[in-house]
Amino acid sequence: MMKKKSKIKKRILQALAVLSLIGLLAWIFIPSPIPVKVDGARLGSFSAMLDAEGVTQARDRIVIWAPVPCTPQHMPLLLGDPVVVKQVVARCVPDAAALLDPQIAGYLNARVAAAIAAKSRALSEREQTAAVVNQARDNLRNAENLVSTSSTSAAMQRDQAQVAMKLIFKEMDSMDAAAQMATFDIEAAQSALNKLKSASSREWEFHTPISGRVLAVAGNGKALGTGETLIEIGNPADMEVIVDTLANASQVAAGQRVELQPVRADALLGRVRRVELIPSDPISADISAPGKTRIAIEFAAPPAKWQSLGNNHALHARIAIATIDNVLKVSPKAIFKDGQQDAVFVIADSRAHKRIVTLSAGDGETAVIGSGLKENEQVILSPSPMIKDGTRVKIIY
C-alpha cells in the first residue's frame, strides 16, 4: 500500500515537473507583448491649411527708388527716424555713362505707364469696394438686431458682419495708399526723365511725399541699380503681413483665419484682407504673365502684441482655406502603406489587427479618415516592423 502511494506521488511530481517545463518553454519561446503608443480615433473639425512665408510691412508706405544707377550720399537718417512731408531724405550721384543709356529712358517710360495703370486700377477697385459699404452696414444692423434674441448663431453672424465691415474700410484705405504710391511713382519717373534730358551728373535730391518713419535705407557709398530702394518711409504703428507665394492660392479668400508665427516671438492670429496676382515683371503690369499670388493679412491681435515686431519681420503663415466639421481624425503617424493602400493597426483584445482605411484629407498633424475606422478605436502610432496582424501588444503612456 505504501509503495502504491509512493508511485502515485512520484507520478504527480513528474507531471508537475513536465507542466513546469512546458510553462518555462512557453515563457521562453512565446514572444512578450510589444510596447506601443496609441492614438484614439475622434470626431472633430479639420481645417485645410496653406503654409507660406511672409513679412510684416507698413500699410501706408512710400518707397523712394533710384531712377538711374547711382551712388547714395551720406544722409543722417537711421532706421526709425521721423521724417516730414517734403523733407530731403536721400541724395545720390548718378553714373555718368548711365545718363546716356537709352535703356534708362525706356525703363522710366515703362514705369510711368505701369504706375498710371496701377493708379487707375486702385481707384476703380476703391470705387467698387465703396459701393458695397451700404449693404455691409445693413447686414451689420440686421445682425445686431438679431442678437437681442440671445441666439448663439445670431452673435456669430454679428461678429462676422463686424469683421466684414472692418475689412471693407481697410481695403478702401489700402486702395488709397496704392493710388498714392502710384502717383508718387509717376511723378518720380517723370522728374527723372526731365533730368535725363540735361544729362547732369551732379547730385540728385529726393523728397518724401509723406510723413512717417524710416523703415529701410540704402547704405552710404553702395552703388545702386535702376529701381533699387534708396529709402522706405511709412508708419510702423500700422502694420500688416504680406505673403508672396507661388503655391496654388485659388482657395484663399478675404476673411479667412490665419495663424502667424513670427521669428523668436509668440504666435498671433490674423485674417486675410486681400488676395491679388502679382506679375513676374511688375513694370510691365501684365497680370497674365506667370507670377506670384500676394496675400495681405491683417493682425487680429491687439497692436500691443505685434507692434514691437517692426517692419520686414519674417513670419510663417498658416491660412485656413477650408474647414470640415464632424470628421474622424487620427494622428498621421498611425498611417502606413500596405501595398497601394493605406492601413492602420487597431488594438483589440491586446492584439494588433491590420485595418485598411481610406483618407479624405489631412496634413502633417492630422489624418482625416474616410472609412475603415470607428470613433474611439485605438490605433498604434509609428508601428515597428515587428508588429504584424495578430501581434500581442501592450499600451504604454
Protein backbone atom coordinates (compact mmCIF):
# COMPACT_ATOMS: atom_id res chain seq x y z
CA MET A 1 0.00 0.00 0.00
CA MET A 2 2.81 2.39 0.89
CA LYS A 3 4.59 1.54 -2.37
CA LYS A 4 1.44 2.30 -4.37
CA LYS A 5 1.08 5.75 -2.70
CA SER A 6 4.75 6.45 -3.34
CA LYS A 7 4.34 5.68 -7.04
CA ILE A 8 1.29 7.97 -7.31
CA LYS A 9 3.18 10.76 -5.57
CA LYS A 10 6.12 10.24 -7.86
CA ARG A 11 3.90 10.43 -10.94
CA ILE A 12 2.26 13.62 -9.66
CA LEU A 13 5.67 15.19 -9.13
CA GLN A 14 6.76 14.11 -12.59
CA ALA A 15 3.58 15.59 -14.11
CA LEU A 16 4.13 18.84 -12.27
CA ALA A 17 7.73 18.93 -13.48
CA VAL A 18 6.59 18.38 -17.07
CA LEU A 19 3.96 21.12 -16.77
CA SER A 20 6.54 23.46 -15.28
CA LEU A 21 8.91 22.69 -18.14
CA ILE A 22 6.17 23.30 -20.70
CA GLY A 23 5.33 26.61 -18.99
CA LEU A 24 9.01 27.58 -18.94
CA LEU A 25 9.41 26.74 -22.63
CA ALA A 26 6.24 28.68 -23.45
CA TRP A 27 7.54 31.67 -21.49
CA ILE A 28 10.86 31.45 -23.35
CA PHE A 29 9.56 30.92 -26.88
CA ILE A 30 6.24 32.82 -26.90
CA PRO A 31 7.13 36.50 -27.57
CA SER A 32 6.26 39.10 -24.97
CA PRO A 33 3.75 41.81 -25.87
CA ILE A 34 5.36 44.66 -27.82
CA PRO A 35 5.01 48.04 -26.09
CA VAL A 36 3.21 50.58 -28.28
CA LYS A 37 1.90 54.12 -28.12
CA VAL A 38 -1.61 54.76 -29.40
CA ASP A 39 -3.97 57.46 -30.58
CA GLY A 40 -7.75 57.37 -30.37
CA ALA A 41 -9.95 57.97 -33.40
CA ARG A 42 -12.06 61.01 -32.58
CA LEU A 43 -14.69 63.23 -34.17
CA GLY A 44 -13.94 66.92 -34.70
CA SER A 45 -13.32 69.61 -37.27
CA PHE A 46 -10.42 69.79 -39.71
CA SER A 47 -9.02 72.91 -41.34
CA ALA A 48 -7.08 72.56 -44.56
CA MET A 49 -4.13 74.95 -44.34
CA LEU A 50 -1.94 76.78 -46.83
CA ASP A 51 1.56 77.29 -45.42
CA ALA A 52 3.68 80.18 -46.68
CA GLU A 53 6.36 82.62 -45.58
CA GLY A 54 5.67 86.33 -45.17
CA VAL A 55 6.97 89.58 -43.72
CA THR A 56 5.50 92.48 -41.79
CA GLN A 57 5.05 95.66 -43.79
CA ALA A 58 3.78 99.15 -43.05
CA ARG A 59 0.38 99.52 -44.68
CA ASP A 60 0.84 103.19 -45.64
CA ARG A 61 4.36 103.48 -47.04
CA ILE A 62 6.40 105.06 -49.82
CA VAL A 63 9.46 103.54 -51.48
CA ILE A 64 11.84 106.12 -52.94
CA TRP A 65 13.87 104.35 -55.61
CA ALA A 66 16.92 105.08 -57.75
CA PRO A 67 15.75 106.22 -61.21
CA VAL A 68 19.23 105.65 -62.65
CA PRO A 69 22.30 103.70 -61.49
CA CYS A 70 23.78 105.90 -58.78
CA THR A 71 25.78 106.05 -55.57
CA PRO A 72 23.91 107.18 -52.41
CA GLN A 73 25.50 110.02 -50.48
CA HIS A 74 25.66 110.40 -46.72
CA MET A 75 22.36 111.25 -45.01
CA PRO A 76 21.97 111.45 -41.20
CA LEU A 77 18.92 109.18 -41.23
CA LEU A 78 18.69 105.86 -39.40
CA LEU A 79 16.00 103.20 -39.11
CA GLY A 80 13.10 104.53 -37.06
CA ASP A 81 13.99 108.22 -37.50
CA PRO A 82 10.95 110.51 -38.08
CA VAL A 83 10.62 112.49 -41.32
CA VAL A 84 8.09 115.06 -42.52
CA VAL A 85 6.49 115.87 -45.88
CA LYS A 86 8.87 117.43 -48.45
CA GLN A 87 11.94 116.74 -46.31
CA VAL A 88 15.08 115.75 -48.25
CA VAL A 89 15.57 112.11 -47.33
CA ALA A 90 18.08 110.86 -49.92
CA ARG A 91 20.83 112.09 -52.20
CA CYS A 92 22.74 110.21 -54.86
CA VAL A 93 25.23 110.87 -57.64
CA PRO A 94 24.12 109.25 -60.93
CA ASP A 95 26.50 107.21 -63.04
CA ALA A 96 27.61 109.47 -65.90
CA ALA A 97 27.53 106.70 -68.51
CA ALA A 98 24.02 105.64 -67.47
CA LEU A 99 22.67 109.10 -68.21
CA LEU A 100 23.39 108.48 -71.89
CA ASP A 101 21.95 104.95 -71.95
CA PRO A 102 18.66 104.90 -73.93
CA GLN A 103 17.53 101.84 -71.98
CA ILE A 104 17.23 104.00 -68.85
CA ALA A 105 14.69 106.26 -70.53
CA GLY A 106 12.84 103.18 -71.76
CA TYR A 107 12.66 101.81 -68.22
CA LEU A 108 11.37 105.12 -66.83
CA ASN A 109 8.71 105.42 -69.54
CA ALA A 110 7.59 101.86 -68.80
CA ARG A 111 7.45 102.68 -65.10
CA VAL A 112 5.25 105.71 -65.80
CA ALA A 113 2.87 103.55 -67.85
CA ALA A 114 2.76 100.83 -65.20
CA ALA A 115 2.12 103.38 -62.44
CA ILE A 116 -0.70 105.02 -64.43
CA ALA A 117 -2.31 101.60 -64.88
CA ALA A 118 -1.82 100.77 -61.17
CA LYS A 119 -3.38 104.06 -60.11
CA SER A 120 -6.38 103.57 -62.40
CA ARG A 121 -6.82 100.02 -61.07
CA ALA A 122 -6.59 101.16 -57.43
CA LEU A 123 -9.15 103.94 -57.91
CA SER A 124 -11.51 101.60 -59.76
CA GLU A 125 -11.26 98.93 -57.05
CA ARG A 126 -11.81 101.54 -54.35
CA GLU A 127 -14.98 102.68 -56.08
CA GLN A 128 -16.21 99.09 -56.33
CA THR A 129 -15.42 98.47 -52.66
CA ALA A 130 -17.17 101.68 -51.57
CA ALA A 131 -20.28 100.54 -53.45
CA VAL A 132 -20.82 97.65 -51.02
CA VAL A 133 -20.48 99.75 -47.85
CA ASN A 134 -24.23 100.38 -47.54
CA GLN A 135 -25.01 96.68 -47.95
CA ALA A 136 -22.41 95.82 -45.30
CA ARG A 137 -23.95 98.38 -42.94
CA ASP A 138 -27.40 96.85 -43.46
CA ASN A 139 -26.01 93.36 -42.78
CA LEU A 140 -24.39 94.56 -39.57
CA ARG A 141 -27.54 96.38 -38.43
CA ASN A 142 -29.69 93.29 -39.05
CA ALA A 143 -27.21 91.07 -37.23
CA GLU A 144 -27.14 93.42 -34.22
CA ASN A 145 -30.95 93.36 -34.07
CA LEU A 146 -30.92 89.55 -34.05
CA VAL A 147 -28.51 89.44 -31.09
CA SER A 148 -31.36 90.60 -28.84
CA THR A 149 -32.81 87.09 -29.24
CA SER A 150 -29.76 85.79 -27.28
CA SER A 151 -29.09 83.28 -30.05
CA THR A 152 -25.53 81.98 -30.31
CA SER A 153 -25.79 81.86 -34.10
CA ALA A 154 -27.01 85.47 -34.12
CA ALA A 155 -23.96 86.55 -32.13
CA MET A 156 -21.73 84.74 -34.62
CA GLN A 157 -23.47 86.49 -37.54
CA ARG A 158 -22.93 89.85 -35.81
CA ASP A 159 -19.23 89.12 -35.29
CA GLN A 160 -18.85 88.07 -38.93
CA ALA A 161 -20.65 91.23 -40.09
CA GLN A 162 -18.34 93.37 -37.93
CA VAL A 163 -15.25 91.68 -39.42
CA ALA A 164 -16.63 92.15 -42.95
CA MET A 165 -17.28 95.85 -42.29
CA LYS A 166 -13.79 96.34 -40.91
CA LEU A 167 -12.22 94.59 -43.90
CA ILE A 168 -14.13 96.80 -46.33
CA PHE A 169 -12.78 100.01 -44.77
CA LYS A 170 -9.27 98.53 -44.54
CA GLU A 171 -9.49 97.67 -48.22
CA MET A 172 -10.55 101.22 -49.10
CA ASP A 173 -7.59 102.57 -47.10
CA SER A 174 -5.31 100.15 -48.92
CA MET A 175 -6.57 101.33 -52.31
CA ASP A 176 -5.99 104.96 -51.28
CA ALA A 177 -2.41 104.08 -50.30
CA ALA A 178 -1.88 102.20 -53.59
CA ALA A 179 -3.13 105.17 -55.57
CA GLN A 180 -0.83 107.48 -53.60
CA MET A 181 2.16 105.20 -54.23
CA ALA A 182 1.34 105.08 -57.95
CA THR A 183 1.05 108.88 -58.09
CA PHE A 184 4.48 109.19 -56.49
CA ASP A 185 5.92 106.68 -58.97
CA ILE A 186 4.54 108.67 -61.89
CA GLU A 187 5.98 111.94 -60.57
CA ALA A 188 9.35 110.38 -59.69
CA ALA A 189 9.79 108.75 -63.09
CA GLN A 190 8.70 111.89 -64.98
CA SER A 191 11.09 114.01 -62.91
CA ALA A 192 13.93 111.61 -63.69
CA LEU A 193 13.10 111.76 -67.41
CA ASN A 194 13.37 115.56 -67.30
CA LYS A 195 16.73 115.32 -65.53
CA LEU A 196 17.98 112.85 -68.14
CA LYS A 197 17.48 115.49 -70.83
CA SER A 198 20.08 117.72 -69.14
CA ALA A 199 22.45 114.74 -68.75
CA SER A 200 23.62 116.30 -65.49
CA SER A 201 25.76 114.01 -63.31
CA ARG A 202 25.55 116.28 -60.31
CA GLU A 203 23.95 115.13 -57.06
CA TRP A 204 20.20 114.36 -57.23
CA GLU A 205 17.95 115.06 -54.21
CA PHE A 206 14.84 113.12 -53.24
CA HIS A 207 11.99 114.43 -51.06
CA THR A 208 9.43 112.39 -49.16
CA PRO A 209 5.77 112.94 -50.14
CA ILE A 210 4.53 111.69 -46.74
CA SER A 211 5.40 111.97 -43.07
CA GLY A 212 6.42 108.86 -41.19
CA ARG A 213 9.47 106.97 -40.03
CA VAL A 214 12.39 105.43 -41.86
CA LEU A 215 11.67 101.74 -42.47
CA ALA A 216 14.67 100.92 -44.66
CA VAL A 217 17.63 102.85 -46.04
CA ALA A 218 20.41 102.06 -48.52
CA GLY A 219 23.96 102.05 -47.24
CA ASN A 220 26.07 105.13 -47.95
CA GLY A 221 28.51 104.64 -50.82
CA LYS A 222 26.88 101.39 -52.04
CA ALA A 223 26.15 101.60 -55.77
CA LEU A 224 22.50 101.00 -56.66
CA GLY A 225 20.91 99.84 -59.89
CA THR A 226 17.89 101.37 -61.57
CA GLY A 227 14.75 100.80 -59.49
CA GLU A 228 16.55 99.75 -56.31
CA THR A 229 15.43 101.23 -52.98
CA LEU A 230 17.07 104.40 -51.69
CA ILE A 231 14.83 104.77 -48.66
CA GLU A 232 11.46 103.46 -47.48
CA ILE A 233 9.16 105.56 -45.30
CA GLY A 234 5.94 104.63 -43.56
CA ASN A 235 4.03 104.24 -40.33
CA PRO A 236 5.35 101.27 -38.31
CA ALA A 237 2.36 101.52 -35.94
CA ASP A 238 0.04 100.40 -38.75
CA MET A 239 1.39 97.08 -39.98
CA GLU A 240 0.13 94.13 -41.97
CA VAL A 241 1.65 90.87 -43.19
CA ILE A 242 2.46 90.34 -46.86
CA VAL A 243 2.78 86.80 -48.20
CA ASP A 244 4.03 86.22 -51.75
CA THR A 245 3.60 82.60 -52.81
CA LEU A 246 3.95 80.51 -55.97
CA ALA A 247 1.61 77.88 -54.48
CA ASN A 248 -1.95 77.45 -55.71
CA ALA A 249 -3.87 80.05 -53.70
CA SER A 250 -7.17 79.78 -55.57
CA GLN A 251 -8.98 78.81 -52.34
CA VAL A 252 -7.66 81.77 -50.34
CA ALA A 253 -10.28 84.48 -49.74
CA ALA A 254 -10.75 87.60 -47.64
CA GLY A 255 -11.83 86.92 -44.06
CA GLN A 256 -10.11 83.54 -43.67
CA ARG A 257 -8.37 82.85 -40.37
CA VAL A 258 -4.56 82.88 -40.31
CA GLU A 259 -2.11 81.55 -37.73
CA LEU A 260 1.04 83.71 -37.71
CA GLN A 261 4.32 82.57 -36.19
CA PRO A 262 6.93 85.35 -36.05
CA VAL A 263 10.60 84.53 -35.68
CA ARG A 264 11.52 84.45 -31.97
CA ALA A 265 8.10 85.72 -30.86
CA ASP A 266 4.73 84.36 -29.73
CA ALA A 267 2.16 83.12 -32.23
CA LEU A 268 -0.50 85.59 -33.37
CA LEU A 269 -3.86 85.44 -35.13
CA GLY A 270 -4.71 87.28 -38.33
CA ARG A 271 -7.27 87.46 -41.15
CA VAL A 272 -6.83 87.53 -44.90
CA ARG A 273 -7.64 91.03 -46.14
CA ARG A 274 -6.81 90.82 -49.84
CA VAL A 275 -5.65 88.34 -52.50
CA GLU A 276 -4.16 89.52 -55.80
CA LEU A 277 -1.98 88.27 -58.65
CA ILE A 278 1.46 89.85 -59.00
CA PRO A 279 3.02 89.67 -62.49
CA SER A 280 6.50 88.25 -62.87
CA ASP A 281 7.53 91.66 -64.27
CA PRO A 282 5.87 94.36 -62.10
CA ILE A 283 6.93 97.13 -64.51
CA SER A 284 5.06 95.50 -67.39
CA ALA A 285 1.95 95.19 -65.17
CA ASP A 286 0.90 92.20 -67.28
CA ILE A 287 -1.02 90.03 -64.80
CA SER A 288 -1.49 87.36 -67.46
CA ALA A 289 2.23 86.57 -67.23
CA PRO A 290 3.06 83.79 -64.73
CA GLY A 291 3.82 85.33 -61.37
CA LYS A 292 3.03 85.11 -57.68
CA THR A 293 -0.07 85.43 -55.56
CA ARG A 294 0.17 88.22 -52.99
CA ILE A 295 -1.88 87.76 -49.83
CA ALA A 296 -2.34 90.72 -47.49
CA ILE A 297 -3.10 89.71 -43.90
CA GLU A 298 -4.21 92.00 -41.10
CA PHE A 299 -3.44 91.28 -37.45
CA ALA A 300 -6.43 90.17 -35.39
CA ALA A 301 -4.47 90.56 -32.14
CA PRO A 302 -4.25 93.88 -30.26
CA PRO A 303 -1.47 96.23 -31.53
CA ALA A 304 0.50 95.78 -28.30
CA LYS A 305 1.08 92.15 -29.33
CA TRP A 306 2.70 92.88 -32.71
CA GLN A 307 3.90 96.49 -32.99
CA SER A 308 7.29 95.59 -31.49
CA LEU A 309 7.97 93.25 -34.46
CA GLY A 310 8.87 96.21 -36.67
CA ASN A 311 8.96 96.39 -40.45
CA ASN A 312 10.14 93.45 -42.58
CA HIS A 313 9.98 90.90 -39.75
CA ALA A 314 9.78 87.33 -41.06
CA LEU A 315 6.74 85.21 -40.17
CA HIS A 316 5.33 81.80 -41.06
CA ALA A 317 1.66 82.00 -42.06
CA ARG A 318 -0.87 79.13 -41.93
CA ILE A 319 -4.08 80.11 -43.73
CA ALA A 320 -7.23 78.09 -43.02
CA ILE A 321 -8.55 77.73 -46.59
CA ALA A 322 -11.35 75.27 -45.73
CA THR A 323 -12.91 73.81 -42.59
CA ILE A 324 -14.78 70.49 -42.45
CA ASP A 325 -16.87 69.66 -39.37
CA ASN A 326 -17.72 66.28 -37.81
CA VAL A 327 -14.90 64.23 -39.35
CA LEU A 328 -12.99 61.27 -37.90
CA LYS A 329 -9.37 62.13 -37.16
CA VAL A 330 -6.20 60.31 -36.06
CA SER A 331 -2.53 61.16 -35.99
CA PRO A 332 -0.85 60.68 -39.39
CA LYS A 333 1.81 58.68 -37.53
CA ALA A 334 -0.72 55.82 -37.38
CA ILE A 335 -0.98 55.53 -41.18
CA PHE A 336 1.28 53.18 -43.14
CA LYS A 337 1.27 51.78 -46.65
CA ASP A 338 0.07 48.22 -47.31
CA GLY A 339 0.88 47.83 -50.98
CA GLN A 340 -1.04 50.59 -52.72
CA GLN A 341 -3.48 51.05 -49.84
CA ASP A 342 -3.40 52.98 -46.57
CA ALA A 343 -3.69 50.97 -43.38
CA VAL A 344 -3.56 51.17 -39.59
CA PHE A 345 -3.16 48.71 -36.73
CA VAL A 346 -6.23 48.73 -34.49
CA ILE A 347 -5.87 47.31 -30.96
CA ALA A 348 -8.47 44.78 -29.83
CA ASP A 349 -8.05 42.14 -27.09
CA SER A 350 -4.44 43.28 -26.58
CA ARG A 351 -3.55 42.38 -30.14
CA ALA A 352 -2.80 44.43 -33.26
CA HIS A 353 -5.26 43.99 -36.12
CA LYS A 354 -4.43 45.41 -39.53
CA ARG A 355 -7.22 47.52 -41.00
CA ILE A 356 -7.37 49.07 -44.48
CA VAL A 357 -8.56 52.71 -44.36
CA THR A 358 -9.26 55.49 -46.81
CA LEU A 359 -8.09 59.07 -46.26
CA SER A 360 -10.29 62.01 -47.26
CA ALA A 361 -7.95 64.86 -46.19
CA GLY A 362 -5.01 65.59 -43.96
CA ASP A 363 -1.80 67.47 -43.27
CA GLY A 364 1.32 66.98 -41.21
CA GLU A 365 -0.65 66.99 -37.95
CA THR A 366 -3.96 65.27 -38.76
CA ALA A 367 -5.21 62.43 -40.96
CA VAL A 368 -8.93 62.54 -41.78
CA ILE A 369 -10.37 59.04 -42.13
CA GLY A 370 -12.99 58.49 -44.82
CA SER A 371 -13.70 54.84 -43.99
CA GLY A 372 -12.25 51.87 -42.11
CA LEU A 373 -12.31 53.20 -38.53
CA LYS A 374 -14.86 53.97 -35.86
CA GLU A 375 -14.84 56.63 -33.17
CA ASN A 376 -12.83 55.74 -30.03
CA GLU A 377 -10.94 52.86 -31.68
CA GLN A 378 -7.27 52.89 -30.71
CA VAL A 379 -4.59 52.83 -33.40
CA ILE A 380 -0.87 52.19 -32.99
CA LEU A 381 1.45 55.13 -33.60
CA SER A 382 4.57 54.57 -35.74
CA PRO A 383 4.21 50.75 -35.78
CA SER A 384 7.54 48.91 -35.90
CA PRO A 385 8.30 46.18 -38.50
CA MET A 386 7.93 43.63 -35.66
CA ILE A 387 4.20 44.28 -35.47
CA LYS A 388 2.10 42.06 -37.69
CA ASP A 389 -1.59 41.24 -37.88
CA GLY A 390 -2.36 39.48 -34.58
CA THR A 391 0.82 40.53 -32.72
CA ARG A 392 0.36 40.87 -28.95
CA VAL A 393 0.89 44.46 -27.82
CA LYS A 394 0.95 46.44 -24.60
CA ILE A 395 -0.07 50.09 -24.46
CA ILE A 396 2.42 52.44 -22.82
CA TYR A 397 1.65 56.01 -21.80
